[in-house]
Amino acid sequence: MDGVREVVVAGPPRRLPGRRAASVAGLVMVRGDVVVAIDAAHRLGLPLADPAERLLMVDVDGSPRGLLVEATEHILMLEADAIDPPPAGADTDVVSGIGTTPDGLVVLLDLERMCRL
């Protein structure tokens, strides 16, 4: 879980004027810090069902970023031997691996790539 700090509830992001990456939802204030909020659903090519105000706070190159997510379920710890590289031919822009659990497969996301501006 390198880079993940916490999950917080923040207000809606303040949109930025001008040109910006489509996945940048705007800016939010978290404990007195102004943080770039990235729309995780948009970054993954998924529709966002409801306006997300839950942020998965991560550190990217020493800078805090917030990934807007609809929900967080649980933390899953995987042993290294339970993680495989993405299959050949899969779109792996933000996928770092595939985890195997007793409940099935888990897609592992590369947080640094998810937070790329």
C-alpha atoms as a PDB file:
ATOM      1  CA  MET A   1       0.000   0.000   0.000  1.00  0.00           C
ATOM      2  CA  ASP A   2       2.854   2.340  -0.780  1.00  0.00           C
ATOM      3  CA  GLY A   3       1.759   5.925  -1.242  1.00  0.00           C
ATOM      4  CA  VAL A   4      -1.745   5.606   0.248  1.00  0.00           C
ATOM      5  CA  ARG A   5      -2.254   7.941   3.190  1.00  0.00           C
ATOM      6  CA  GLU A   6      -5.938   7.773   4.075  1.00  0.00           C
ATOM      7  CA  VAL A   7      -9.511   8.077   2.866  1.00  0.00           C
ATOM      8  CA  VAL A   8     -11.240  11.372   3.648  1.00  0.00           C
ATOM      9  CA  VAL A   9     -14.584  12.954   2.875  1.00  0.00           C
ATOM     10  CA  ALA A  10     -14.206  16.371   1.269  1.00  0.00           C
ATOM     11  CA  GLY A  11     -16.572  18.822  -0.342  1.00  0.00           C
ATOM     12  CA  PRO A  12     -17.063  18.911  -4.080  1.00  0.00           C
ATOM     13  CA  PRO A  13     -13.961  19.917  -6.038  1.00  0.00           C
ATOM     14  CA  ARG A  14     -13.595  23.527  -7.160  1.00  0.00           C
ATOM     15  CA  ARG A  15     -13.316  23.434 -10.939  1.00  0.00           C
ATOM     16  CA  LEU A  16     -10.307  25.053 -12.548  1.00  0.00           C
ATOM     17  CA  PRO A  17     -10.706  27.456 -15.469  1.00  0.00           C
ATOM     18  CA  GLY A  18      -8.800  26.980 -18.689  1.00  0.00           C
ATOM     19  CA  ARG A  19      -7.179  23.919 -20.153  1.00  0.00           C
ATOM     20  CA  ARG A  20      -6.539  20.936 -17.919  1.00  0.00           C
ATOM     21  CA  ALA A  21      -6.428  17.190 -18.148  1.00  0.00           C
ATOM     22  CA  ALA A  22      -9.956  15.779 -18.470  1.00  0.00           C
ATOM     23  CA  SER A  23      -9.429  13.551 -15.424  1.00  0.00           C
ATOM     24  CA  VAL A  24      -8.641  16.534 -13.143  1.00  0.00           C
ATOM     25  CA  ALA A  25     -11.896  17.266 -11.328  1.00  0.00           C
ATOM     26  CA  GLY A  26     -10.538  20.387  -9.620  1.00  0.00           C
ATOM     27  CA  LEU A  27      -9.102  21.417  -6.280  1.00  0.00           C
ATOM     28  CA  VAL A  28     -10.167  20.464  -2.757  1.00  0.00           C
ATOM     29  CA  MET A  29      -9.072  21.594   0.673  1.00  0.00           C
ATOM     30  CA  VAL A  30      -7.867  18.783   2.970  1.00  0.00           C
ATOM     31  CA  ARG A  31      -6.684  19.787   6.434  1.00  0.00           C
ATOM     32  CA  GLY A  32      -5.559  23.192   5.223  1.00  0.00           C
ATOM     33  CA  ASP A  33      -3.778  21.891   2.111  1.00  0.00           C
ATOM     34  CA  VAL A  34      -4.999  22.546  -1.415  1.00  0.00           C
ATOM     35  CA  VAL A  35      -4.990  19.192  -3.222  1.00  0.00           C
ATOM     36  CA  VAL A  36      -5.558  18.280  -6.870  1.00  0.00           C
ATOM     37  CA  ALA A  37      -8.592  15.970  -7.118  1.00  0.00           C
ATOM     38  CA  ILE A  38      -8.449  13.375  -9.881  1.00  0.00           C
ATOM     39  CA  ASP A  39     -11.614  11.669 -11.083  1.00  0.00           C
ATOM     40  CA  ALA A  40     -10.721   7.966 -10.766  1.00  0.00           C
ATOM     41  CA  ALA A  41     -13.786   6.846 -12.742  1.00  0.00           C
ATOM     42  CA  HIS A  42     -12.903   9.105 -15.667  1.00  0.00           C
ATOM     43  CA  ARG A  43      -9.277   7.952 -15.534  1.00  0.00           C
ATOM     44  CA  LEU A  44     -10.506   4.348 -15.783  1.00  0.00           C
ATOM     45  CA  GLY A  45     -12.979   5.135 -18.570  1.00  0.00           C
ATOM     46  CA  LEU A  46     -15.995   4.501 -16.334  1.00  0.00           C
ATOM     47  CA  PRO A  47     -19.047   6.679 -15.711  1.00  0.00           C
ATOM     48  CA  LEU A  48     -19.289   8.240 -12.269  1.00  0.00           C
ATOM     49  CA  ALA A  49     -22.654   7.252 -10.798  1.00  0.00           C
ATOM     50  CA  ASP A  50     -22.825  10.003  -8.159  1.00  0.00           C
ATOM     51  CA  PRO A  51     -20.729  13.070  -7.523  1.00  0.00           C
ATOM     52  CA  ALA A  52     -17.913  11.633  -5.431  1.00  0.00           C
ATOM     53  CA  GLU A  53     -16.721  13.471  -2.349  1.00  0.00           C
ATOM     54  CA  ARG A  54     -14.629  10.619  -0.958  1.00  0.00           C
ATOM     55  CA  LEU A  55     -10.902  11.027  -1.608  1.00  0.00           C
ATOM     56  CA  LEU A  56      -8.285   8.324  -1.516  1.00  0.00           C
ATOM     57  CA  MET A  57      -5.325  10.458  -0.461  1.00  0.00           C
ATOM     58  CA  VAL A  58      -2.016   9.380  -1.970  1.00  0.00           C
ATOM     59  CA  ASP A  59       1.516  10.749  -2.172  1.00  0.00           C
ATOM     60  CA  VAL A  60       2.959  11.056  -5.661  1.00  0.00           C
ATOM     61  CA  ASP A  61       6.553  12.272  -5.836  1.00  0.00           C
ATOM     62  CA  GLY A  62       6.125  13.905  -2.425  1.00  0.00           C
ATOM     63  CA  SER A  63       2.938  15.775  -3.414  1.00  0.00           C
ATOM     64  CA  PRO A  64      -0.496  14.921  -2.025  1.00  0.00           C
ATOM     65  CA  ARG A  65      -3.162  14.001  -4.573  1.00  0.00           C
ATOM     66  CA  GLY A  66      -6.746  12.930  -4.067  1.00  0.00           C
ATOM     67  CA  LEU A  67      -8.429  10.261  -6.153  1.00  0.00           C
ATOM     68  CA  LEU A  68     -12.199  10.825  -6.173  1.00  0.00           C
ATOM     69  CA  VAL A  69     -13.805   7.447  -5.539  1.00  0.00           C
ATOM     70  CA  GLU A  70     -17.413   6.396  -5.065  1.00  0.00           C
ATOM     71  CA  ALA A  71     -16.636   3.993  -2.226  1.00  0.00           C
ATOM     72  CA  THR A  72     -13.929   2.139  -0.395  1.00  0.00           C
ATOM     73  CA  GLU A  73     -14.651  -1.386   0.753  1.00  0.00           C
ATOM     74  CA  HIS A  74     -11.655  -2.824   2.534  1.00  0.00           C
ATOM     75  CA  ILE A  75      -7.899  -3.110   2.569  1.00  0.00           C
ATOM     76  CA  LEU A  76      -6.552  -6.279   1.047  1.00  0.00           C
ATOM     77  CA  MET A  77      -3.057  -7.552   1.785  1.00  0.00           C
ATOM     78  CA  LEU A  78      -1.592  -9.824  -0.875  1.00  0.00           C
ATOM     79  CA  GLU A  79       1.580 -11.869  -0.794  1.00  0.00           C
ATOM     80  CA  ALA A  80       3.956 -11.222  -3.704  1.00  0.00           C
ATOM     81  CA  ASP A  81       3.382 -14.726  -5.091  1.00  0.00           C
ATOM     82  CA  ALA A  82      -0.369 -13.948  -5.364  1.00  0.00           C
ATOM     83  CA  ILE A  83       0.295 -11.113  -7.834  1.00  0.00           C
ATOM     84  CA  ASP A  84       0.795 -11.691 -11.546  1.00  0.00           C
ATOM     85  CA  PRO A  85       1.588  -9.203 -14.310  1.00  0.00           C
ATOM     86  CA  PRO A  86      -1.352  -8.058 -16.427  1.00  0.00           C
ATOM     87  CA  PRO A  87      -2.165 -10.512 -19.220  1.00  0.00           C
ATOM     88  CA  ALA A  88      -0.720  -9.886 -22.668  1.00  0.00           C
ATOM     89  CA  GLY A  89      -2.969  -7.710 -24.797  1.00  0.00           C
ATOM     90  CA  ALA A  90      -4.723  -6.082 -21.844  1.00  0.00           C
ATOM     91  CA  ASP A  91      -4.863  -2.292 -21.695  1.00  0.00           C
ATOM     92  CA  THR A  92      -2.328  -1.754 -18.943  1.00  0.00           C
ATOM     93  CA  ASP A  93      -2.030   2.027 -18.824  1.00  0.00           C
ATOM     94  CA  VAL A  94      -2.938   2.091 -15.122  1.00  0.00           C
ATOM     95  CA  VAL A  95      -2.968  -1.632 -14.250  1.00  0.00           C
ATOM     96  CA  SER A  96       0.122  -2.840 -12.415  1.00  0.00           C
ATOM     97  CA  GLY A  97      -0.933  -6.438 -11.817  1.00  0.00           C
ATOM     98  CA  ILE A  98      -3.629  -8.994 -11.135  1.00  0.00           C
ATOM     99  CA  GLY A  99      -4.047 -10.381  -7.639  1.00  0.00           C
ATOM    100  CA  THR A 100      -5.495 -13.789  -6.867  1.00  0.00           C
ATOM    101  CA  THR A 101      -7.618 -14.225  -3.735  1.00  0.00           C
ATOM    102  CA  PRO A 102      -9.943 -16.987  -2.502  1.00  0.00           C
ATOM    103  CA  ASP A 103     -12.822 -14.742  -3.679  1.00  0.00           C
ATOM    104  CA  GLY A 104     -11.454 -14.261  -7.192  1.00  0.00           C
ATOM    105  CA  LEU A 105      -9.304 -11.801  -9.122  1.00  0.00           C
ATOM    106  CA  VAL A 106      -8.396  -8.282  -8.035  1.00  0.00           C
ATOM    107  CA  VAL A 107      -7.130  -5.684 -10.501  1.00  0.00           C
ATOM    108  CA  LEU A 108      -4.220  -3.750  -8.978  1.00  0.00           C
ATOM    109  CA  LEU A 109      -3.888  -0.123 -10.057  1.00  0.00           C
ATOM    110  CA  ASP A 110      -0.668   1.838 -10.358  1.00  0.00           C
ATOM    111  CA  LEU A 111      -1.340   4.911  -8.191  1.00  0.00           C
ATOM    112  CA  GLU A 112       1.438   6.954  -9.765  1.00  0.00           C
ATOM    113  CA  ARG A 113      -0.055   6.433 -13.221  1.00  0.00           C
ATOM    114  CA  MET A 114      -3.595   7.009 -11.920  1.00  0.00           C
ATOM    115  CA  CYS A 115      -2.489  10.383 -10.527  1.00  0.00           C
ATOM    116  CA  ARG A 116      -0.525  11.470 -13.576  1.00  0.00           C
ATOM    117  CA  LEU A 117      -1.664  14.933 -14.647  1.00  0.00           C
END
